[in-house]
Amino acid sequence: MKETDHSRQLDSLVARQKRIIELIQRDGHVRVLDLGKLLDVSEITIRRDLALMEKDKLLERTHGGAISTTRVFKETRYSNRSDLELENKDAIARVAAGLIHDGDTVFINGGSTTVHVFRYITGENVKIVTINAGCIGQVGNPGVELILAGGCYYPESNSFYGGFTIDILNQVNANKAILGVHGISCRYGLTTPMHYAAETTRLMIERTRGEVIVVADHRKIGLVSDYVTVPANRIHTLVTDWLPDRDYIREFENLGIKVIQTNPRDQHP
């Protein structure tokens, strides 16, 4: 009987590992919380599975999940991700826009979260310098001067990059930056699958003499991609929708990062 039970447990482990590998090959990453629900087992069981798989060099664990050891990310087209987590992104953007004050000069990069920020800016005498093509037609506040750092247009991200863009950014000293990311991790920092996006966002951070704010929904937390923009401790504030793991919030706070969590149900038009 004991051998039968052991055999069943082993079969279950093999089946879970196979499914985890399938998911990580498809998405590049997995999260403990999601795996527990999908596979109908406890988070403790999932963490044990991931530890075993890391030992066998099948994946690399991150806080709250794991990433592929042989990952090659490419950017998901903007049109395919702009509607994902739409309500949460809008709530995050509303909070981030509230951090813009009268007289601020602000960098805003590309992304499907940052694009929501423009219409919620209420400050006066605000200058916004952005590479985000989605800003067009979004700013209704006459107190906002909008500067588009145009260059080579990339439809995958609905943003501008390249030499012309860099030249414009190099002429600006901002006192604040609001930045979207593909992934943010305490250990691996801000990362992206495109080297030119990492370079451009890094320049924005270097030319910001004040607060650097990252906007990221919960799917981006713990996600790691190929190109490092900056270490996590280079930012000051993280605005997100929710983080199920309180310990991970403490890790950000231990790096000196203020974490602001928002709920779309708490937002009012």
Foldseek 3Di string as FASTA:
>chain_A
DVVVVVVVVVVLLVVLLVVLLVVQQVPQWDFLVVSCVVSVHDSVVVVVSVVVCVVVVQWADAVGITGGPPDQDDFAAQVVPLPPVVLFLLFLLLVVLVVDEAQFEEEEEFDSSVLNNQQNNDYACYEYEYFAQSVVPRHPHPRYHYHHQAADADRRGNGHFDDSSLVVLVVDQGQEYEYEAQAAGQVQGGADSDPRSLVNVLSSLVSHPHAYEYEDEPVRYRDHYDGHNDHLLSHAEYEYADDPDVVRVVSSVVSNHHYHHHHSVPDDD
